[in-house]
């Protein structure tokens, strides 16, 4: 099959398990999406200052913008949501080895 990974390039031993509470309802799934996408946007925006290459800074910014569109999708289907990311707070940026809160 054209474009399919060859068997030697197929990862093995990987299993993703999503706890049932995160997919128990549309709202639970949407809230999980909002939480994850918020973390992704913050991660990429926080990475911009860490990169010295302007090409990497631009790429990180573009990925953050893309992740923000995912956030909007998930947030828009939650009751009372407005599909707009809250203002980014640079003081909440994660640093290497720092746990997410």
PDB file of N, CA and C in Angstrom:
ATOM      1  N   UNK A   1       0.843  -1.163   0.000  1.00  0.00           N
ATOM      2  CA  UNK A   1       0.000   0.000   0.000  1.00  0.00           C
ATOM      3  C   UNK A   1       0.898   1.239   0.000  1.00  0.00           C
ATOM      4  N   UNK A   2       0.606   2.164  -0.876  1.00  0.00           N
ATOM      5  CA  UNK A   2       1.383   3.386  -1.023  1.00  0.00           C
ATOM      6  C   UNK A   2       1.250   4.278   0.211  1.00  0.00           C
ATOM      7  N   UNK A   3       2.343   4.755   0.736  1.00  0.00           N
ATOM      8  CA  UNK A   3       2.328   5.682   1.851  1.00  0.00           C
ATOM      9  C   UNK A   3       2.178   5.044   3.225  1.00  0.00           C
ATOM     10  N   UNK A   4       1.952   3.762   3.283  1.00  0.00           N
ATOM     11  CA  UNK A   4       1.824   3.097   4.584  1.00  0.00           C
ATOM     12  C   UNK A   4       3.200   2.814   5.159  1.00  0.00           C
ATOM     13  N   UNK A   5       3.314   2.873   6.480  1.00  0.00           N
ATOM     14  CA  UNK A   5       4.615   2.564   7.072  1.00  0.00           C
ATOM     15  C   UNK A   5       4.973   1.096   6.850  1.00  0.00           C
ATOM     16  N   UNK A   6       6.225   0.875   6.608  1.00  0.00           N
ATOM     17  CA  UNK A   6       6.687  -0.512   6.482  1.00  0.00           C
ATOM     18  C   UNK A   6       6.620  -1.138   7.864  1.00  0.00           C
ATOM     19  N   UNK A   7       6.423  -2.444   7.934  1.00  0.00           N
ATOM     20  CA  UNK A   7       6.290  -3.113   9.235  1.00  0.00           C
ATOM     21  C   UNK A   7       7.393  -2.776  10.231  1.00  0.00           C
ATOM     22  N   UNK A   8       8.625  -2.603   9.773  1.00  0.00           N
ATOM     23  CA  UNK A   8       9.702  -2.327  10.724  1.00  0.00           C
ATOM     24  C   UNK A   8       9.585  -0.930  11.336  1.00  0.00           C
ATOM     25  N   UNK A   9       8.747  -0.060  10.750  1.00  0.00           N
ATOM     26  CA  UNK A   9       8.575   1.293  11.275  1.00  0.00           C
ATOM     27  C   UNK A   9       7.300   1.456  12.093  1.00  0.00           C
ATOM     28  N   UNK A  10       6.597   0.386  12.323  1.00  0.00           N
ATOM     29  CA  UNK A  10       5.377   0.446  13.115  1.00  0.00           C
ATOM     30  C   UNK A  10       5.754   0.268  14.582  1.00  0.00           C
ATOM     31  N   UNK A  11       5.406   1.266  15.417  1.00  0.00           N
ATOM     32  CA  UNK A  11       5.759   1.146  16.837  1.00  0.00           C
ATOM     33  C   UNK A  11       5.066  -0.047  17.484  1.00  0.00           C
ATOM     34  N   UNK A  12       5.740  -0.629  18.416  1.00  0.00           N
ATOM     35  CA  UNK A  12       5.152  -1.742  19.162  1.00  0.00           C
ATOM     36  C   UNK A  12       5.247  -1.428  20.649  1.00  0.00           C
ATOM     37  N   UNK A  13       4.434  -2.095  21.423  1.00  0.00           N
ATOM     38  CA  UNK A  13       4.490  -1.930  22.870  1.00  0.00           C
ATOM     39  C   UNK A  13       3.880  -0.645  23.371  1.00  0.00           C
ATOM     40  N   UNK A  14       3.139   0.058  22.522  1.00  0.00           N
ATOM     41  CA  UNK A  14       2.512   1.314  22.923  1.00  0.00           C
ATOM     42  C   UNK A  14       1.020   1.093  23.097  1.00  0.00           C
ATOM     43  N   UNK A  15       0.505   1.479  24.251  1.00  0.00           N
ATOM     44  CA  UNK A  15      -0.922   1.344  24.501  1.00  0.00           C
ATOM     45  C   UNK A  15      -1.398   2.619  25.190  1.00  0.00           C
ATOM     46  N   UNK A  16      -2.403   3.238  24.629  1.00  0.00           N
ATOM     47  CA  UNK A  16      -2.974   4.445  25.200  1.00  0.00           C
ATOM     48  C   UNK A  16      -4.297   4.089  25.855  1.00  0.00           C
ATOM     49  N   UNK A  17      -4.414   4.402  27.104  1.00  0.00           N
ATOM     50  CA  UNK A  17      -5.654   4.148  27.829  1.00  0.00           C
ATOM     51  C   UNK A  17      -6.198   5.476  28.342  1.00  0.00           C
ATOM     52  N   UNK A  18      -7.425   5.766  27.988  1.00  0.00           N
ATOM     53  CA  UNK A  18      -8.080   6.982  28.440  1.00  0.00           C
ATOM     54  C   UNK A  18      -9.080   6.598  29.529  1.00  0.00           C
ATOM     55  N   UNK A  19      -8.917   7.152  30.732  1.00  0.00           N
ATOM     56  CA  UNK A  19      -9.877   6.830  31.786  1.00  0.00           C
ATOM     57  C   UNK A  19     -11.305   7.161  31.357  1.00  0.00           C
ATOM     58  N   UNK A  20     -12.228   6.301  31.702  1.00  0.00           N
ATOM     59  CA  UNK A  20     -13.621   6.419  31.271  1.00  0.00           C
ATOM     60  C   UNK A  20     -14.247   7.762  31.639  1.00  0.00           C
ATOM     61  N   UNK A  21     -13.839   8.355  32.756  1.00  0.00           N
ATOM     62  CA  UNK A  21     -14.473   9.613  33.178  1.00  0.00           C
ATOM     63  C   UNK A  21     -14.245  10.749  32.174  1.00  0.00           C
ATOM     64  N   UNK A  22     -13.180  10.644  31.360  1.00  0.00           N
ATOM     65  CA  UNK A  22     -12.886  11.687  30.382  1.00  0.00           C
ATOM     66  C   UNK A  22     -13.683  11.544  29.095  1.00  0.00           C
ATOM     67  N   UNK A  23     -14.325  10.430  28.903  1.00  0.00           N
ATOM     68  CA  UNK A  23     -15.128  10.213  27.702  1.00  0.00           C
ATOM     69  C   UNK A  23     -16.550   9.773  28.056  1.00  0.00           C
ATOM     70  N   UNK A  24     -16.950   9.994  29.307  1.00  0.00           N
ATOM     71  CA  UNK A  24     -18.258   9.547  29.784  1.00  0.00           C
ATOM     72  C   UNK A  24     -19.418  10.327  29.164  1.00  0.00           C
ATOM     73  N   UNK A  25     -19.146  11.540  28.715  1.00  0.00           N
ATOM     74  CA  UNK A  25     -20.190  12.366  28.106  1.00  0.00           C
ATOM     75  C   UNK A  25     -19.534  13.350  27.147  1.00  0.00           C
ATOM     76  N   UNK A  26     -20.382  14.021  26.369  1.00  0.00           N
ATOM     77  CA  UNK A  26     -19.871  15.039  25.441  1.00  0.00           C
ATOM     78  C   UNK A  26     -19.150  16.133  26.221  1.00  0.00           C
ATOM     79  N   UNK A  27     -19.739  16.568  27.324  1.00  0.00           N
ATOM     80  CA  UNK A  27     -19.122  17.638  28.104  1.00  0.00           C
ATOM     81  C   UNK A  27     -17.817  17.201  28.754  1.00  0.00           C
ATOM     82  N   UNK A  28     -17.763  15.957  29.234  1.00  0.00           N
ATOM     83  CA  UNK A  28     -16.519  15.456  29.827  1.00  0.00           C
ATOM     84  C   UNK A  28     -15.408  15.411  28.782  1.00  0.00           C
ATOM     85  N   UNK A  29     -15.739  14.945  27.601  1.00  0.00           N
ATOM     86  CA  UNK A  29     -14.750  14.884  26.522  1.00  0.00           C
ATOM     87  C   UNK A  29     -14.319  16.290  26.104  1.00  0.00           C
ATOM     88  N   UNK A  30     -15.289  17.201  25.980  1.00  0.00           N
ATOM     89  CA  UNK A  30     -14.954  18.575  25.601  1.00  0.00           C
ATOM     90  C   UNK A  30     -14.089  19.238  26.663  1.00  0.00           C
ATOM     91  N   UNK A  31     -14.391  19.012  27.939  1.00  0.00           N
ATOM     92  CA  UNK A  31     -13.594  19.600  29.017  1.00  0.00           C
ATOM     93  C   UNK A  31     -12.168  19.038  29.012  1.00  0.00           C
ATOM     94  N   UNK A  32     -12.049  17.746  28.753  1.00  0.00           N
ATOM     95  CA  UNK A  32     -10.711  17.148  28.639  1.00  0.00           C
ATOM     96  C   UNK A  32      -9.949  17.796  27.485  1.00  0.00           C
ATOM     97  N   UNK A  33     -10.639  18.011  26.367  1.00  0.00           N
ATOM     98  CA  UNK A  33     -10.020  18.674  25.216  1.00  0.00           C
ATOM     99  C   UNK A  33      -9.572  20.085  25.550  1.00  0.00           C
ATOM    100  N   UNK A  34     -10.420  20.848  26.244  1.00  0.00           N
ATOM    101  CA  UNK A  34     -10.072  22.214  26.645  1.00  0.00           C
ATOM    102  C   UNK A  34      -8.829  22.204  27.534  1.00  0.00           C
ATOM    103  N   UNK A  35      -8.791  21.299  28.480  1.00  0.00           N
ATOM    104  CA  UNK A  35      -7.652  21.211  29.401  1.00  0.00           C
ATOM    105  C   UNK A  35      -6.366  20.874  28.654  1.00  0.00           C
ATOM    106  N   UNK A  36      -6.443  19.881  27.781  1.00  0.00           N
ATOM    107  CA  UNK A  36      -5.249  19.488  27.016  1.00  0.00           C
ATOM    108  C   UNK A  36      -4.802  20.595  26.073  1.00  0.00           C
ATOM    109  N   UNK A  37      -5.737  21.176  25.326  1.00  0.00           N
ATOM    110  CA  UNK A  37      -5.357  22.210  24.363  1.00  0.00           C
ATOM    111  C   UNK A  37      -4.808  23.452  25.055  1.00  0.00           C
ATOM    112  N   UNK A  38      -5.337  23.786  26.233  1.00  0.00           N
ATOM    113  CA  UNK A  38      -4.769  24.908  27.001  1.00  0.00           C
ATOM    114  C   UNK A  38      -3.316  24.634  27.336  1.00  0.00           C
ATOM    115  N   UNK A  39      -3.040  23.402  27.751  1.00  0.00           N
ATOM    116  CA  UNK A  39      -1.662  23.022  28.072  1.00  0.00           C
ATOM    117  C   UNK A  39      -0.778  23.071  26.836  1.00  0.00           C
ATOM    118  N   UNK A  40      -1.297  22.616  25.696  1.00  0.00           N
ATOM    119  CA  UNK A  40      -0.500  22.617  24.463  1.00  0.00           C
ATOM    120  C   UNK A  40      -0.180  24.047  24.026  1.00  0.00           C
ATOM    121  N   UNK A  41      -1.191  24.933  24.052  1.00  0.00           N
ATOM    122  CA  UNK A  41      -0.958  26.329  23.659  1.00  0.00           C
ATOM    123  C   UNK A  41       0.081  26.952  24.578  1.00  0.00           C
ATOM    124  N   UNK A  42      -0.078  26.769  25.877  1.00  0.00           N
ATOM    125  CA  UNK A  42       0.876  27.338  26.835  1.00  0.00           C
ATOM    126  C   UNK A  42       2.280  26.794  26.631  1.00  0.00           C
ATOM    127  N   UNK A  43       2.368  25.513  26.326  1.00  0.00           N
ATOM    128  CA  UNK A  43       3.672  24.888  26.109  1.00  0.00           C
ATOM    129  C   UNK A  43       4.386  25.506  24.913  1.00  0.00           C
ATOM    130  N   UNK A  44       3.671  25.634  23.800  1.00  0.00           N
ATOM    131  CA  UNK A  44       4.311  26.187  22.604  1.00  0.00           C
ATOM    132  C   UNK A  44       4.613  27.672  22.753  1.00  0.00           C
ATOM    133  N   UNK A  45       3.717  28.425  23.393  1.00  0.00           N
ATOM    134  CA  UNK A  45       4.008  29.843  23.607  1.00  0.00           C
ATOM    135  C   UNK A  45       5.184  30.003  24.559  1.00  0.00           C
ATOM    136  N   UNK A  46       5.232  29.193  25.596  1.00  0.00           N
ATOM    137  CA  UNK A  46       6.355  29.260  26.526  1.00  0.00           C
ATOM    138  C   UNK A  46       7.672  28.862  25.898  1.00  0.00           C
ATOM    139  N   UNK A  47       7.606  27.988  24.894  1.00  0.00           N
ATOM    140  CA  UNK A  47       8.838  27.529  24.228  1.00  0.00           C
ATOM    141  C   UNK A  47       9.471  28.617  23.368  1.00  0.00           C
ATOM    142  N   UNK A  48       8.669  29.555  22.922  1.00  0.00           N
ATOM    143  CA  UNK A  48       9.194  30.591  22.017  1.00  0.00           C
ATOM    144  C   UNK A  48      10.394  31.299  22.633  1.00  0.00           C
ATOM    145  N   UNK A  49      10.299  31.704  23.881  1.00  0.00           N
ATOM    146  CA  UNK A  49      11.410  32.418  24.530  1.00  0.00           C
ATOM    147  C   UNK A  49      12.619  31.536  24.764  1.00  0.00           C
ATOM    148  N   UNK A  50      12.407  30.233  24.777  1.00  0.00           N
ATOM    149  CA  UNK A  50      13.513  29.308  25.033  1.00  0.00           C
ATOM    150  C   UNK A  50      14.337  29.015  23.783  1.00  0.00           C
ATOM    151  N   UNK A  51      13.758  29.245  22.614  1.00  0.00           N
ATOM    152  CA  UNK A  51      14.472  28.962  21.362  1.00  0.00           C
ATOM    153  C   UNK A  51      15.348  30.140  20.968  1.00  0.00           C
ATOM    154  N   UNK A  52      16.520  29.852  20.423  1.00  0.00           N
ATOM    155  CA  UNK A  52      17.371  30.923  19.917  1.00  0.00           C
ATOM    156  C   UNK A  52      17.153  31.115  18.413  1.00  0.00           C
ATOM    157  N   UNK A  53      16.712  30.090  17.736  1.00  0.00           N
ATOM    158  CA  UNK A  53      16.483  30.153  16.292  1.00  0.00           C
ATOM    159  C   UNK A  53      15.153  30.829  15.989  1.00  0.00           C
ATOM    160  N   UNK A  54      15.179  31.862  15.137  1.00  0.00           N
ATOM    161  CA  UNK A  54      13.922  32.515  14.777  1.00  0.00           C
ATOM    162  C   UNK A  54      13.012  31.582  13.999  1.00  0.00           C
ATOM    163  N   UNK A  55      13.593  30.625  13.290  1.00  0.00           N
ATOM    164  CA  UNK A  55      12.764  29.649  12.566  1.00  0.00           C
ATOM    165  C   UNK A  55      11.982  28.771  13.558  1.00  0.00           C
ATOM    166  N   UNK A  56      12.643  28.348  14.634  1.00  0.00           N
ATOM    167  CA  UNK A  56      11.952  27.560  15.658  1.00  0.00           C
ATOM    168  C   UNK A  56      10.926  28.396  16.410  1.00  0.00           C
ATOM    169  N   UNK A  57      11.247  29.666  16.670  1.00  0.00           N
ATOM    170  CA  UNK A  57      10.290  30.549  17.332  1.00  0.00           C
ATOM    171  C   UNK A  57       9.030  30.697  16.480  1.00  0.00           C
ATOM    172  N   UNK A  58       9.215  30.873  15.184  1.00  0.00           N
ATOM    173  CA  UNK A  58       8.085  31.016  14.265  1.00  0.00           C
ATOM    174  C   UNK A  58       7.262  29.735  14.220  1.00  0.00           C
ATOM    175  N   UNK A  59       7.940  28.609  14.173  1.00  0.00           N
ATOM    176  CA  UNK A  59       7.240  27.324  14.141  1.00  0.00           C
ATOM    177  C   UNK A  59       6.448  27.112  15.422  1.00  0.00           C
ATOM    178  N   UNK A  60       7.045  27.401  16.569  1.00  0.00           N
ATOM    179  CA  UNK A  60       6.345  27.240  17.845  1.00  0.00           C
ATOM    180  C   UNK A  60       5.120  28.152  17.905  1.00  0.00           C
ATOM    181  N   UNK A  61       5.237  29.358  17.409  1.00  0.00           N
ATOM    182  CA  UNK A  61       4.096  30.278  17.376  1.00  0.00           C
ATOM    183  C   UNK A  61       2.989  29.775  16.470  1.00  0.00           C
ATOM    184  N   UNK A  62       3.375  29.224  15.329  1.00  0.00           N
ATOM    185  CA  UNK A  62       2.382  28.682  14.398  1.00  0.00           C
ATOM    186  C   UNK A  62       1.667  27.473  14.993  1.00  0.00           C
ATOM    187  N   UNK A  63       2.417  26.618  15.667  1.00  0.00           N
ATOM    188  CA  UNK A  63       1.799  25.448  16.301  1.00  0.00           C
ATOM    189  C   UNK A  63       0.864  25.898  17.425  1.00  0.00           C
ATOM    190  N   UNK A  64       1.277  26.903  18.205  1.00  0.00           N
ATOM    191  CA  UNK A  64       0.414  27.427  19.273  1.00  0.00           C
ATOM    192  C   UNK A  64      -0.894  27.954  18.684  1.00  0.00           C
ATOM    193  N   UNK A  65      -0.809  28.663  17.573  1.00  0.00           N
ATOM    194  CA  UNK A  65      -2.023  29.186  16.932  1.00  0.00           C
ATOM    195  C   UNK A  65      -2.919  28.048  16.460  1.00  0.00           C
ATOM    196  N   UNK A  66      -2.316  26.999  15.927  1.00  0.00           N
ATOM    197  CA  UNK A  66      -3.095  25.841  15.489  1.00  0.00           C
ATOM    198  C   UNK A  66      -3.770  25.164  16.671  1.00  0.00           C
ATOM    199  N   UNK A  67      -3.039  25.004  17.767  1.00  0.00           N
ATOM    200  CA  UNK A  67      -3.611  24.382  18.963  1.00  0.00           C
ATOM    201  C   UNK A  67      -4.753  25.239  19.510  1.00  0.00           C
ATOM    202  N   UNK A  68      -4.649  26.553  19.369  1.00  0.00           N
ATOM    203  CA  UNK A  68      -5.712  27.446  19.843  1.00  0.00           C
ATOM    204  C   UNK A  68      -7.011  27.209  19.071  1.00  0.00           C
ATOM    205  N   UNK A  69      -6.906  26.835  17.793  1.00  0.00           N
ATOM    206  CA  UNK A  69      -8.136  26.527  17.040  1.00  0.00           C
ATOM    207  C   UNK A  69      -8.786  25.266  17.588  1.00  0.00           C
ATOM    208  N   UNK A  70      -7.992  24.317  18.026  1.00  0.00           N
ATOM    209  CA  UNK A  70      -8.545  23.102  18.643  1.00  0.00           C
ATOM    210  C   UNK A  70      -9.241  23.461  19.953  1.00  0.00           C
ATOM    211  N   UNK A  71      -8.590  24.318  20.739  1.00  0.00           N
ATOM    212  CA  UNK A  71      -9.188  24.782  21.993  1.00  0.00           C
ATOM    213  C   UNK A  71     -10.572  25.375  21.720  1.00  0.00           C
ATOM    214  N   UNK A  72     -10.645  26.250  20.729  1.00  0.00           N
ATOM    215  CA  UNK A  72     -11.910  26.908  20.403  1.00  0.00           C
ATOM    216  C   UNK A  72     -12.995  25.909  20.042  1.00  0.00           C
ATOM    217  N   UNK A  73     -12.625  24.884  19.301  1.00  0.00           N
ATOM    218  CA  UNK A  73     -13.597  23.846  18.932  1.00  0.00           C
ATOM    219  C   UNK A  73     -14.164  23.187  20.174  1.00  0.00           C
ATOM    220  N   UNK A  74     -13.290  22.726  21.058  1.00  0.00           N
ATOM    221  CA  UNK A  74     -13.755  22.040  22.262  1.00  0.00           C
ATOM    222  C   UNK A  74     -14.537  22.985  23.176  1.00  0.00           C
ATOM    223  N   UNK A  75     -14.019  24.187  23.374  1.00  0.00           N
ATOM    224  CA  UNK A  75     -14.658  25.128  24.277  1.00  0.00           C
ATOM    225  C   UNK A  75     -16.035  25.550  23.768  1.00  0.00           C
ATOM    226  N   UNK A  76     -16.189  25.656  22.457  1.00  0.00           N
ATOM    227  CA  UNK A  76     -17.454  26.118  21.880  1.00  0.00           C
ATOM    228  C   UNK A  76     -18.617  25.172  22.168  1.00  0.00           C
ATOM    229  N   UNK A  77     -18.327  23.903  22.410  1.00  0.00           N
ATOM    230  CA  UNK A  77     -19.427  22.967  22.641  1.00  0.00           C
ATOM    231  C   UNK A  77     -19.757  22.786  24.122  1.00  0.00           C
ATOM    232  N   UNK A  78     -19.028  23.487  24.988  1.00  0.00           N
ATOM    233  CA  UNK A  78     -19.332  23.428  26.422  1.00  0.00           C
ATOM    234  C   UNK A  78     -20.412  24.456  26.769  1.00  0.00           C
ATOM    235  N   UNK A  79     -21.289  24.125  27.703  1.00  0.00           N
ATOM    236  CA  UNK A  79     -22.320  25.089  28.114  1.00  0.00           C
ATOM    237  C   UNK A  79     -21.685  26.368  28.681  1.00  0.00           C
ATOM    238  N   UNK A  80     -22.153  27.497  28.232  1.00  0.00           N
ATOM    239  CA  UNK A  80     -21.677  28.780  28.755  1.00  0.00           C
ATOM    240  C   UNK A  80     -20.289  29.187  28.304  1.00  0.00           C
ATOM    241  N   UNK A  81     -19.716  28.473  27.383  1.00  0.00           N
ATOM    242  CA  UNK A  81     -18.351  28.777  26.936  1.00  0.00           C
ATOM    243  C   UNK A  81     -18.376  29.849  25.850  1.00  0.00           C
ATOM    244  N   UNK A  82     -17.223  30.458  25.623  1.00  0.00           N
ATOM    245  CA  UNK A  82     -17.153  31.499  24.594  1.00  0.00           C
ATOM    246  C   UNK A  82     -16.140  31.201  23.509  1.00  0.00           C
ATOM    247  N   UNK A  83     -15.492  30.064  23.551  1.00  0.00           N
ATOM    248  CA  UNK A  83     -14.555  29.610  22.517  1.00  0.00           C
ATOM    249  C   UNK A  83     -13.356  30.530  22.329  1.00  0.00           C
ATOM    250  N   UNK A  84     -13.002  31.268  23.359  1.00  0.00           N
ATOM    251  CA  UNK A  84     -11.837  32.153  23.293  1.00  0.00           C
ATOM    252  C   UNK A  84     -10.907  31.788  24.441  1.00  0.00           C
ATOM    253  N   UNK A  85      -9.644  31.579  24.115  1.00  0.00           N
ATOM    254  CA  UNK A  85      -8.665  31.273  25.157  1.00  0.00           C
ATOM    255  C   UNK A  85      -8.545  32.434  26.132  1.00  0.00           C
ATOM    256  N   UNK A  86      -8.416  32.129  27.411  1.00  0.00           N
ATOM    257  CA  UNK A  86      -8.143  33.211  28.363  1.00  0.00           C
ATOM    258  C   UNK A  86      -6.765  33.802  28.069  1.00  0.00           C
ATOM    259  N   UNK A  87      -6.529  35.004  28.548  1.00  0.00           N
ATOM    260  CA  UNK A  87      -5.235  35.654  28.315  1.00  0.00           C
ATOM    261  C   UNK A  87      -4.108  34.758  28.806  1.00  0.00           C
ATOM    262  N   UNK A  88      -3.042  34.692  28.032  1.00  0.00           N
ATOM    263  CA  UNK A  88      -1.885  33.881  28.393  1.00  0.00           C
ATOM    264  C   UNK A  88      -1.124  34.570  29.507  1.00  0.00           C
ATOM    265  N   UNK A  89      -0.882  33.850  30.565  1.00  0.00           N
ATOM    266  CA  UNK A  89      -0.156  34.366  31.719  1.00  0.00           C
ATOM    267  C   UNK A  89       1.254  33.787  31.704  1.00  0.00           C
ATOM    268  N   UNK A  90       2.250  34.564  31.265  1.00  0.00           N
ATOM    269  CA  UNK A  90       3.621  34.045  31.171  1.00  0.00           C
ATOM    270  C   UNK A  90       4.163  33.511  32.489  1.00  0.00           C
ATOM    271  N   UNK A  91       3.637  33.976  33.613  1.00  0.00           N
ATOM    272  CA  UNK A  91       4.143  33.477  34.892  1.00  0.00           C
ATOM    273  C   UNK A  91       3.748  32.029  35.127  1.00  0.00           C
ATOM    274  N   UNK A  92       2.796  31.522  34.340  1.00  0.00           N
ATOM    275  CA  UNK A  92       2.370  30.133  34.480  1.00  0.00           C
ATOM    276  C   UNK A  92       3.096  29.215  33.503  1.00  0.00           C
ATOM    277  N   UNK A  93       4.069  29.740  32.769  1.00  0.00           N
ATOM    278  CA  UNK A  93       4.823  28.906  31.832  1.00  0.00           C
ATOM    279  C   UNK A  93       5.557  27.809  32.581  1.00  0.00           C
ATOM    280  N   UNK A  94       5.573  26.638  31.999  1.00  0.00           N
ATOM    281  CA  UNK A  94       6.308  25.538  32.591  1.00  0.00           C
ATOM    282  C   UNK A  94       7.776  25.621  32.203  1.00  0.00           C
ATOM    283  N   UNK A  95       8.596  25.215  33.079  1.00  0.00           N
ATOM    284  CA  UNK A  95      10.026  25.112  32.808  1.00  0.00           C
ATOM    285  C   UNK A  95      10.378  23.632  32.818  1.00  0.00           C
ATOM    286  N   UNK A  96      11.472  23.244  32.176  1.00  0.00           N
ATOM    287  CA  UNK A  96      11.848  21.833  32.162  1.00  0.00           C
ATOM    288  C   UNK A  96      11.863  21.245  33.579  1.00  0.00           C
ATOM    289  N   UNK A  97      11.222  20.103  33.726  1.00  0.00           N
ATOM    290  CA  UNK A  97      11.195  19.401  34.999  1.00  0.00           C
ATOM    291  C   UNK A  97      10.140  19.896  35.972  1.00  0.00           C
ATOM    292  N   UNK A  98       9.428  20.958  35.607  1.00  0.00           N
ATOM    293  CA  UNK A  98       8.396  21.509  36.489  1.00  0.00           C
ATOM    294  C   UNK A  98       7.074  20.796  36.224  1.00  0.00           C
ATOM    295  N   UNK A  99       6.380  20.359  37.274  1.00  0.00           N
ATOM    296  CA  UNK A  99       5.097  19.670  37.057  1.00  0.00           C
ATOM    297  C   UNK A  99       4.007  20.641  36.629  1.00  0.00           C
ATOM    298  N   UNK A 100       3.083  20.167  35.810  1.00  0.00           N
ATOM    299  CA  UNK A 100       1.919  20.972  35.422  1.00  0.00           C
ATOM    300  C   UNK A 100       0.973  21.053  36.609  1.00  0.00           C
ATOM    301  N   UNK A 101       0.272  22.152  36.718  1.00  0.00           N
ATOM    302  CA  UNK A 101      -0.709  22.317  37.808  1.00  0.00           C
ATOM    303  C   UNK A 101      -2.084  22.510  37.249  1.00  0.00           C
TER     304      UNK A 101
END
